[in-house]
N, C-alpha and C. Protein backbone atom coordinates (compact mmCIF):
# COMPACT_ATOMS: atom_id res chain seq x y z
N MET A 1 116.14 75.52 99.27
CA MET A 1 115.59 76.78 98.77
C MET A 1 116.24 77.05 97.41
N THR A 2 115.40 77.41 96.44
CA THR A 2 115.93 77.71 95.12
C THR A 2 116.61 79.07 95.13
N GLU A 3 117.43 79.33 94.11
CA GLU A 3 118.12 80.61 94.02
C GLU A 3 117.11 81.75 93.92
N GLN A 4 116.02 81.54 93.18
CA GLN A 4 114.99 82.57 93.03
C GLN A 4 114.33 82.86 94.37
N ASN A 5 113.99 81.81 95.13
CA ASN A 5 113.37 82.02 96.45
C ASN A 5 114.34 82.68 97.41
N SER A 6 115.61 82.32 97.33
CA SER A 6 116.63 82.94 98.18
C SER A 6 116.74 84.44 97.89
N SER A 7 116.72 84.80 96.61
CA SER A 7 116.78 86.21 96.23
C SER A 7 115.55 86.97 96.74
N LEU A 8 114.38 86.35 96.63
CA LEU A 8 113.15 86.98 97.10
C LEU A 8 113.20 87.18 98.61
N THR A 9 113.64 86.18 99.34
CA THR A 9 113.74 86.28 100.79
C THR A 9 114.71 87.39 101.18
N GLN A 10 115.87 87.44 100.52
CA GLN A 10 116.85 88.48 100.82
C GLN A 10 116.28 89.85 100.50
N SER A 11 115.57 89.97 99.38
CA SER A 11 114.96 91.25 99.00
C SER A 11 113.95 91.70 100.04
N LEU A 12 113.13 90.77 100.54
CA LEU A 12 112.14 91.11 101.57
C LEU A 12 112.83 91.52 102.86
N GLU A 13 113.91 90.82 103.23
CA GLU A 13 114.64 91.15 104.45
C GLU A 13 115.31 92.51 104.36
N LEU A 14 115.69 92.91 103.16
CA LEU A 14 116.40 94.17 102.98
C LEU A 14 115.47 95.30 102.56
N GLY A 15 114.18 95.09 102.74
CA GLY A 15 113.18 96.12 102.50
C GLY A 15 112.56 96.55 103.81
N LEU A 16 111.99 97.74 103.80
CA LEU A 16 111.37 98.31 105.00
C LEU A 16 109.96 98.76 104.66
N SER A 17 108.99 98.32 105.44
CA SER A 17 107.60 98.77 105.26
C SER A 17 107.08 99.28 106.60
N ILE A 18 106.45 100.46 106.55
CA ILE A 18 105.87 101.07 107.75
C ILE A 18 104.49 101.60 107.38
N ASN A 19 103.47 101.18 108.10
CA ASN A 19 102.12 101.71 107.91
C ASN A 19 101.76 102.57 109.10
N ARG A 20 101.17 103.71 108.81
CA ARG A 20 100.71 104.63 109.86
C ARG A 20 99.34 105.17 109.48
N ILE A 21 98.55 105.49 110.49
CA ILE A 21 97.28 106.17 110.28
C ILE A 21 97.39 107.55 110.92
N PHE A 22 97.09 108.57 110.11
CA PHE A 22 97.18 109.95 110.58
C PHE A 22 95.80 110.58 110.63
N ASP A 23 95.61 111.48 111.60
CA ASP A 23 94.34 112.18 111.79
C ASP A 23 94.26 113.39 110.87
N ALA A 24 94.23 113.12 109.57
CA ALA A 24 94.14 114.18 108.56
C ALA A 24 93.77 113.52 107.23
N PRO A 25 93.15 114.27 106.33
CA PRO A 25 92.79 113.71 105.03
C PRO A 25 94.03 113.50 104.15
N PRO A 26 93.93 112.61 103.15
CA PRO A 26 95.09 112.32 102.30
C PRO A 26 95.73 113.54 101.65
N ILE A 27 94.95 114.51 101.21
CA ILE A 27 95.54 115.67 100.54
C ILE A 27 96.47 116.43 101.48
N LEU A 28 96.11 116.49 102.76
CA LEU A 28 96.96 117.20 103.73
C LEU A 28 98.23 116.40 104.02
N VAL A 29 98.11 115.10 104.18
CA VAL A 29 99.29 114.27 104.43
C VAL A 29 100.22 114.32 103.21
N PHE A 30 99.65 114.29 102.01
CA PHE A 30 100.43 114.42 100.78
C PHE A 30 101.21 115.75 100.78
N LYS A 31 100.55 116.84 101.18
CA LYS A 31 101.22 118.15 101.23
C LYS A 31 102.41 118.14 102.19
N MET A 32 102.30 117.36 103.26
CA MET A 32 103.40 117.29 104.22
C MET A 32 104.68 116.77 103.57
N TRP A 33 104.51 115.91 102.57
CA TRP A 33 105.64 115.31 101.85
C TRP A 33 106.15 116.19 100.71
N THR A 34 105.34 117.14 100.27
CA THR A 34 105.69 117.85 99.03
C THR A 34 105.92 119.35 99.21
N GLN A 35 105.65 119.89 100.37
CA GLN A 35 105.84 121.32 100.60
C GLN A 35 106.93 121.53 101.65
N PRO A 36 108.03 122.21 101.24
CA PRO A 36 109.20 122.35 102.12
C PRO A 36 108.89 122.96 103.48
N GLU A 37 107.96 123.91 103.55
CA GLU A 37 107.66 124.53 104.84
C GLU A 37 107.09 123.52 105.84
N HIS A 38 106.42 122.49 105.33
CA HIS A 38 105.91 121.44 106.21
C HIS A 38 106.96 120.37 106.45
N LEU A 39 107.65 119.97 105.40
CA LEU A 39 108.65 118.91 105.49
C LEU A 39 109.72 119.23 106.54
N LYS A 40 110.10 120.50 106.63
CA LYS A 40 111.15 120.86 107.59
C LYS A 40 110.69 120.70 109.04
N GLN A 41 109.39 120.60 109.27
CA GLN A 41 108.85 120.45 110.62
C GLN A 41 108.91 119.00 111.12
N TRP A 42 108.95 118.04 110.19
CA TRP A 42 108.87 116.65 110.62
C TRP A 42 109.83 115.70 109.89
N GLY A 43 110.50 116.15 108.84
CA GLY A 43 111.23 115.27 107.93
C GLY A 43 112.61 114.84 108.36
N CYS A 44 112.92 114.85 109.64
CA CYS A 44 114.20 114.34 110.13
C CYS A 44 113.97 113.73 111.50
N PRO A 45 114.84 112.82 111.91
CA PRO A 45 114.66 112.15 113.21
C PRO A 45 114.72 113.12 114.39
N ALA A 46 114.28 112.64 115.52
CA ALA A 46 114.28 113.42 116.76
C ALA A 46 115.68 113.94 117.05
N GLY A 47 115.76 115.22 117.41
CA GLY A 47 117.03 115.84 117.74
C GLY A 47 117.77 116.43 116.55
N PHE A 48 117.38 116.03 115.33
CA PHE A 48 118.00 116.56 114.12
C PHE A 48 117.24 117.80 113.65
N LYS A 49 117.87 118.60 112.80
CA LYS A 49 117.23 119.79 112.25
C LYS A 49 117.54 119.86 110.76
N ILE A 50 116.53 120.12 109.96
CA ILE A 50 116.75 120.29 108.52
C ILE A 50 117.36 121.67 108.30
N ILE A 51 118.53 121.70 107.65
CA ILE A 51 119.22 122.96 107.40
C ILE A 51 119.14 123.38 105.93
N PHE A 52 118.73 122.43 105.06
CA PHE A 52 118.58 122.73 103.64
C PHE A 52 117.60 121.74 103.04
N SER A 53 116.68 122.24 102.22
CA SER A 53 115.75 121.37 101.52
C SER A 53 115.32 122.05 100.24
N ALA A 54 115.46 121.34 99.13
CA ALA A 54 115.05 121.89 97.84
C ALA A 54 114.66 120.74 96.93
N GLY A 55 113.76 121.02 96.02
CA GLY A 55 113.39 119.99 95.06
C GLY A 55 112.26 120.44 94.17
N GLU A 56 112.16 119.74 93.07
CA GLU A 56 111.07 119.96 92.13
C GLU A 56 110.18 118.72 92.19
N VAL A 57 109.03 118.85 92.83
CA VAL A 57 108.15 117.72 93.08
C VAL A 57 107.33 117.42 91.83
N CYS A 58 107.94 116.66 90.93
CA CYS A 58 107.28 116.21 89.71
C CYS A 58 108.07 115.03 89.16
N HIS A 59 107.47 114.29 88.25
CA HIS A 59 108.17 113.16 87.64
C HIS A 59 109.50 113.64 87.05
N GLY A 60 110.60 113.02 87.48
CA GLY A 60 111.92 113.40 86.99
C GLY A 60 112.57 114.54 87.76
N GLY A 61 111.83 115.15 88.70
CA GLY A 61 112.38 116.26 89.47
C GLY A 61 113.44 115.80 90.46
N LEU A 62 114.45 116.62 90.62
CA LEU A 62 115.52 116.32 91.57
C LEU A 62 115.18 116.90 92.93
N TRP A 63 115.67 116.26 93.99
CA TRP A 63 115.49 116.80 95.33
C TRP A 63 116.79 116.57 96.13
N ARG A 64 116.97 117.39 97.16
CA ARG A 64 118.13 117.27 98.04
C ARG A 64 117.76 117.88 99.39
N MET A 65 118.24 117.22 100.45
CA MET A 65 117.98 117.71 101.79
C MET A 65 119.21 117.45 102.66
N CYS A 66 119.51 118.38 103.56
CA CYS A 66 120.58 118.20 104.53
C CYS A 66 120.01 118.41 105.93
N MET A 67 120.42 117.54 106.83
CA MET A 67 119.99 117.67 108.22
C MET A 67 121.23 117.66 109.11
N ARG A 68 121.11 118.31 110.24
CA ARG A 68 122.22 118.40 111.20
C ARG A 68 121.86 117.58 112.43
N SER A 69 122.79 116.73 112.84
CA SER A 69 122.59 115.89 114.02
C SER A 69 122.75 116.72 115.29
N PRO A 70 122.33 116.21 116.43
CA PRO A 70 122.52 116.92 117.69
C PRO A 70 124.01 117.19 117.98
N GLU A 71 124.90 116.36 117.41
CA GLU A 71 126.34 116.54 117.60
C GLU A 71 126.93 117.55 116.62
N GLY A 72 126.09 118.08 115.70
CA GLY A 72 126.56 119.08 114.75
C GLY A 72 127.06 118.53 113.43
N LYS A 73 126.88 117.25 113.18
CA LYS A 73 127.31 116.64 111.92
C LYS A 73 126.18 116.74 110.89
N ASP A 74 126.55 117.15 109.68
CA ASP A 74 125.57 117.27 108.60
C ASP A 74 125.45 115.96 107.82
N HIS A 75 124.21 115.60 107.51
CA HIS A 75 123.90 114.41 106.74
C HIS A 75 123.03 114.86 105.58
N CYS A 76 123.51 114.64 104.35
CA CYS A 76 122.76 115.08 103.17
C CYS A 76 122.32 113.87 102.35
N VAL A 77 121.16 114.00 101.75
CA VAL A 77 120.55 112.94 100.97
C VAL A 77 119.95 113.57 99.72
N GLN A 78 119.91 112.80 98.64
CA GLN A 78 119.37 113.31 97.39
C GLN A 78 118.64 112.22 96.65
N GLY A 79 117.91 112.63 95.62
CA GLY A 79 117.20 111.65 94.82
C GLY A 79 116.46 112.28 93.66
N VAL A 80 115.65 111.44 93.03
CA VAL A 80 114.86 111.84 91.87
C VAL A 80 113.43 111.33 92.09
N TYR A 81 112.46 112.19 91.81
CA TYR A 81 111.06 111.76 91.88
C TYR A 81 110.75 110.90 90.66
N ARG A 82 110.25 109.69 90.90
CA ARG A 82 109.89 108.77 89.82
C ARG A 82 108.41 108.87 89.48
N ALA A 83 107.60 109.23 90.48
CA ALA A 83 106.16 109.41 90.25
C ALA A 83 105.61 110.30 91.36
N VAL A 84 104.71 111.19 90.97
CA VAL A 84 104.02 112.06 91.92
C VAL A 84 102.56 112.11 91.46
N VAL A 85 101.68 111.45 92.22
CA VAL A 85 100.26 111.38 91.88
C VAL A 85 99.48 111.88 93.09
N ALA A 86 99.12 113.18 93.06
CA ALA A 86 98.41 113.78 94.20
C ALA A 86 96.97 113.29 94.24
N PRO A 87 96.43 113.00 95.40
CA PRO A 87 97.08 112.84 96.71
C PRO A 87 97.31 111.37 97.04
N GLU A 88 97.62 110.56 96.04
CA GLU A 88 97.66 109.11 96.22
C GLU A 88 99.03 108.50 96.48
N ARG A 89 100.07 109.02 95.81
CA ARG A 89 101.34 108.29 95.85
C ARG A 89 102.51 109.19 95.45
N ILE A 90 103.66 108.92 96.07
CA ILE A 90 104.93 109.54 95.72
C ILE A 90 105.96 108.41 95.66
N ILE A 91 106.75 108.40 94.59
CA ILE A 91 107.84 107.43 94.47
C ILE A 91 109.10 108.22 94.16
N PHE A 92 110.16 107.95 94.93
CA PHE A 92 111.41 108.67 94.71
C PHE A 92 112.60 107.81 95.11
N THR A 93 113.76 108.16 94.54
CA THR A 93 114.99 107.50 94.94
C THR A 93 115.56 108.23 96.15
N HIS A 94 116.42 107.53 96.90
CA HIS A 94 116.98 108.05 98.15
C HIS A 94 118.42 107.57 98.24
N ALA A 95 119.38 108.51 98.22
CA ALA A 95 120.80 108.14 98.31
C ALA A 95 121.53 109.13 99.21
N TRP A 96 122.15 108.62 100.26
CA TRP A 96 122.96 109.46 101.14
C TRP A 96 124.19 109.91 100.38
N GLU A 97 124.63 111.14 100.65
CA GLU A 97 125.82 111.68 100.00
C GLU A 97 127.06 111.39 100.84
N ASP A 98 128.19 111.22 100.16
CA ASP A 98 129.45 111.10 100.89
C ASP A 98 129.98 112.50 101.21
N SER A 99 131.17 112.59 101.76
CA SER A 99 131.72 113.89 102.18
C SER A 99 131.98 114.83 101.01
N GLU A 100 132.02 114.31 99.80
CA GLU A 100 132.23 115.14 98.61
C GLU A 100 130.92 115.46 97.89
N GLY A 101 129.80 115.04 98.47
CA GLY A 101 128.51 115.32 97.87
C GLY A 101 128.08 114.32 96.81
N LYS A 102 128.80 113.22 96.69
CA LYS A 102 128.46 112.20 95.70
C LYS A 102 127.48 111.20 96.31
N PRO A 103 126.43 110.82 95.54
CA PRO A 103 125.47 109.88 96.09
C PRO A 103 126.05 108.48 96.26
N GLY A 104 125.63 107.84 97.33
CA GLY A 104 126.03 106.45 97.58
C GLY A 104 124.96 105.50 97.10
N HIS A 105 124.80 104.40 97.82
CA HIS A 105 123.82 103.36 97.47
C HIS A 105 122.41 103.97 97.40
N GLU A 106 121.69 103.63 96.37
CA GLU A 106 120.36 104.19 96.14
C GLU A 106 119.27 103.17 96.50
N THR A 107 118.26 103.65 97.21
CA THR A 107 117.07 102.86 97.48
C THR A 107 115.88 103.54 96.81
N LEU A 108 114.79 102.82 96.70
CA LEU A 108 113.56 103.36 96.13
C LEU A 108 112.51 103.44 97.23
N VAL A 109 111.90 104.62 97.37
CA VAL A 109 110.88 104.86 98.39
C VAL A 109 109.53 105.04 97.69
N THR A 110 108.53 104.32 98.18
CA THR A 110 107.16 104.47 97.70
C THR A 110 106.28 104.80 98.90
N VAL A 111 105.56 105.92 98.81
CA VAL A 111 104.66 106.33 99.88
C VAL A 111 103.27 106.47 99.26
N SER A 112 102.31 105.71 99.82
CA SER A 112 100.93 105.75 99.32
C SER A 112 100.02 106.27 100.42
N PHE A 113 98.96 106.96 100.00
CA PHE A 113 98.02 107.58 100.93
C PHE A 113 96.61 107.11 100.58
N ALA A 114 95.89 106.55 101.56
CA ALA A 114 94.52 106.06 101.34
C ALA A 114 93.60 106.66 102.38
N ALA A 115 92.44 107.13 101.93
CA ALA A 115 91.46 107.72 102.84
C ALA A 115 90.83 106.63 103.71
N LEU A 116 90.72 106.93 104.99
CA LEU A 116 89.98 106.12 105.95
C LEU A 116 89.03 107.06 106.66
N GLY A 117 87.94 107.39 106.01
CA GLY A 117 87.05 108.42 106.53
C GLY A 117 87.76 109.75 106.47
N VAL A 118 87.93 110.40 107.64
CA VAL A 118 88.64 111.68 107.69
C VAL A 118 90.12 111.49 108.02
N LYS A 119 90.55 110.24 108.10
CA LYS A 119 91.94 109.93 108.40
C LYS A 119 92.64 109.42 107.13
N THR A 120 93.95 109.23 107.25
CA THR A 120 94.75 108.72 106.14
C THR A 120 95.60 107.55 106.60
N GLU A 121 95.57 106.48 105.82
CA GLU A 121 96.52 105.40 106.01
C GLU A 121 97.69 105.67 105.07
N GLN A 122 98.86 105.84 105.66
CA GLN A 122 100.08 106.04 104.89
C GLN A 122 100.85 104.72 104.87
N THR A 123 101.15 104.25 103.68
CA THR A 123 101.94 103.04 103.51
C THR A 123 103.28 103.45 102.94
N PHE A 124 104.34 103.16 103.67
CA PHE A 124 105.70 103.56 103.31
C PHE A 124 106.51 102.30 103.04
N HIS A 125 107.25 102.30 101.93
CA HIS A 125 108.13 101.18 101.63
C HIS A 125 109.44 101.71 101.06
N GLN A 126 110.57 101.18 101.55
CA GLN A 126 111.89 101.57 101.06
C GLN A 126 112.73 100.31 100.88
N ALA A 127 113.38 100.20 99.72
CA ALA A 127 114.21 99.02 99.42
C ALA A 127 115.12 99.35 98.23
N VAL A 128 116.10 98.65 98.03
CA VAL A 128 116.67 97.54 98.75
C VAL A 128 117.91 98.06 99.47
N PHE A 129 117.97 97.78 100.76
CA PHE A 129 119.11 98.20 101.57
C PHE A 129 120.28 97.25 101.36
N GLN A 130 121.47 97.74 101.69
CA GLN A 130 122.66 96.91 101.55
C GLN A 130 122.84 95.94 102.72
N SER A 131 122.21 96.24 103.85
CA SER A 131 122.36 95.37 105.02
C SER A 131 121.14 95.51 105.93
N ILE A 132 120.99 94.53 106.80
CA ILE A 132 119.94 94.56 107.82
C ILE A 132 120.15 95.77 108.73
N GLU A 133 121.41 96.08 109.05
CA GLU A 133 121.73 97.22 109.92
C GLU A 133 121.28 98.53 109.29
N ASP A 134 121.51 98.69 107.99
CA ASP A 134 121.05 99.90 107.28
C ASP A 134 119.53 99.99 107.34
N ARG A 135 118.86 98.87 107.08
CA ARG A 135 117.40 98.84 107.13
C ARG A 135 116.90 99.24 108.51
N ASP A 136 117.47 98.65 109.54
CA ASP A 136 117.01 98.92 110.91
C ASP A 136 117.27 100.36 111.32
N SER A 137 118.38 100.92 110.89
CA SER A 137 118.68 102.33 111.17
C SER A 137 117.65 103.24 110.51
N HIS A 138 117.29 102.94 109.28
CA HIS A 138 116.27 103.74 108.59
C HIS A 138 114.90 103.55 109.24
N GLU A 139 114.61 102.35 109.68
CA GLU A 139 113.32 102.11 110.35
C GLU A 139 113.19 102.99 111.58
N GLU A 140 114.25 103.06 112.37
CA GLU A 140 114.23 103.90 113.57
C GLU A 140 114.06 105.37 113.19
N GLY A 141 114.83 105.83 112.21
CA GLY A 141 114.76 107.23 111.79
C GLY A 141 113.41 107.60 111.21
N TRP A 142 112.89 106.77 110.32
CA TRP A 142 111.58 107.08 109.72
C TRP A 142 110.48 107.06 110.78
N ASN A 143 110.52 106.12 111.70
CA ASN A 143 109.48 106.10 112.74
C ASN A 143 109.54 107.35 113.60
N GLU A 144 110.73 107.86 113.88
CA GLU A 144 110.84 109.12 114.62
C GLU A 144 110.25 110.27 113.79
N CYS A 145 110.50 110.26 112.49
CA CYS A 145 109.91 111.29 111.61
C CYS A 145 108.38 111.20 111.64
N PHE A 146 107.86 109.99 111.50
CA PHE A 146 106.41 109.82 111.45
C PHE A 146 105.76 110.16 112.79
N ASP A 147 106.46 109.94 113.89
CA ASP A 147 105.96 110.37 115.19
C ASP A 147 105.83 111.90 115.21
N LYS A 148 106.85 112.59 114.67
CA LYS A 148 106.81 114.05 114.60
C LYS A 148 105.67 114.51 113.69
N LEU A 149 105.46 113.82 112.58
CA LEU A 149 104.37 114.16 111.66
C LEU A 149 103.02 114.00 112.36
N ALA A 150 102.85 112.93 113.10
CA ALA A 150 101.58 112.71 113.82
C ALA A 150 101.30 113.83 114.81
N THR A 151 102.34 114.38 115.41
CA THR A 151 102.19 115.48 116.36
C THR A 151 101.92 116.81 115.63
N TYR A 152 102.53 116.98 114.48
CA TYR A 152 102.43 118.23 113.70
C TYR A 152 101.07 118.38 112.99
N LEU A 153 100.52 117.28 112.51
CA LEU A 153 99.31 117.33 111.68
C LEU A 153 98.04 117.87 112.33
N PRO A 154 97.69 117.52 113.56
CA PRO A 154 96.39 117.91 114.10
C PRO A 154 96.09 119.40 114.02
N GLY A 155 97.02 120.25 114.31
CA GLY A 155 96.79 121.70 114.24
C GLY A 155 96.53 122.16 112.82
N LEU A 156 97.18 121.52 111.86
CA LEU A 156 96.99 121.89 110.46
C LEU A 156 95.64 121.41 109.93
N ALA A 157 95.23 120.23 110.34
CA ALA A 157 93.98 119.66 109.84
C ALA A 157 92.80 120.55 110.18
N MET A 158 92.89 121.24 111.31
CA MET A 158 91.79 122.13 111.73
C MET A 158 91.71 123.36 110.84
N HIS A 159 92.82 123.76 110.21
CA HIS A 159 92.85 124.96 109.40
C HIS A 159 92.74 124.70 107.90
N ASP A 160 92.80 123.44 107.50
CA ASP A 160 92.81 123.11 106.07
C ASP A 160 91.42 122.95 105.51
């Protein structure tokens, strides 16, 4: 295997892709990602609660969110929006904060929304993780979030 192929393989292994289909139009799913009142309903894993969320959803806008675990431990994350194209795509950085509020390793998240009739295909990608364990932990957490989103959306779709 060449060095270039080895780097590509490692990059693919340290990336995370999740596709979901939601029973709502793209504009509504996009709003779930960009409006704090909706994000707090689904934007953390099962058992966690969002205790703080703020951000300016635009190119170059900063964002920050803190969630509390069932054990009472706070986990804060921050980033910068790299692209916001309603209702098609959001790209942002994602870095967990240390105990002093300083960002750690940064990954890039790309979320795309495509219409499938009255439904939306959401394509989520996050990379590059520092380890397979980090990737797998995020996969579990994001899937729990997306499960909550799938449960939250139907009532909203009827009113939108």
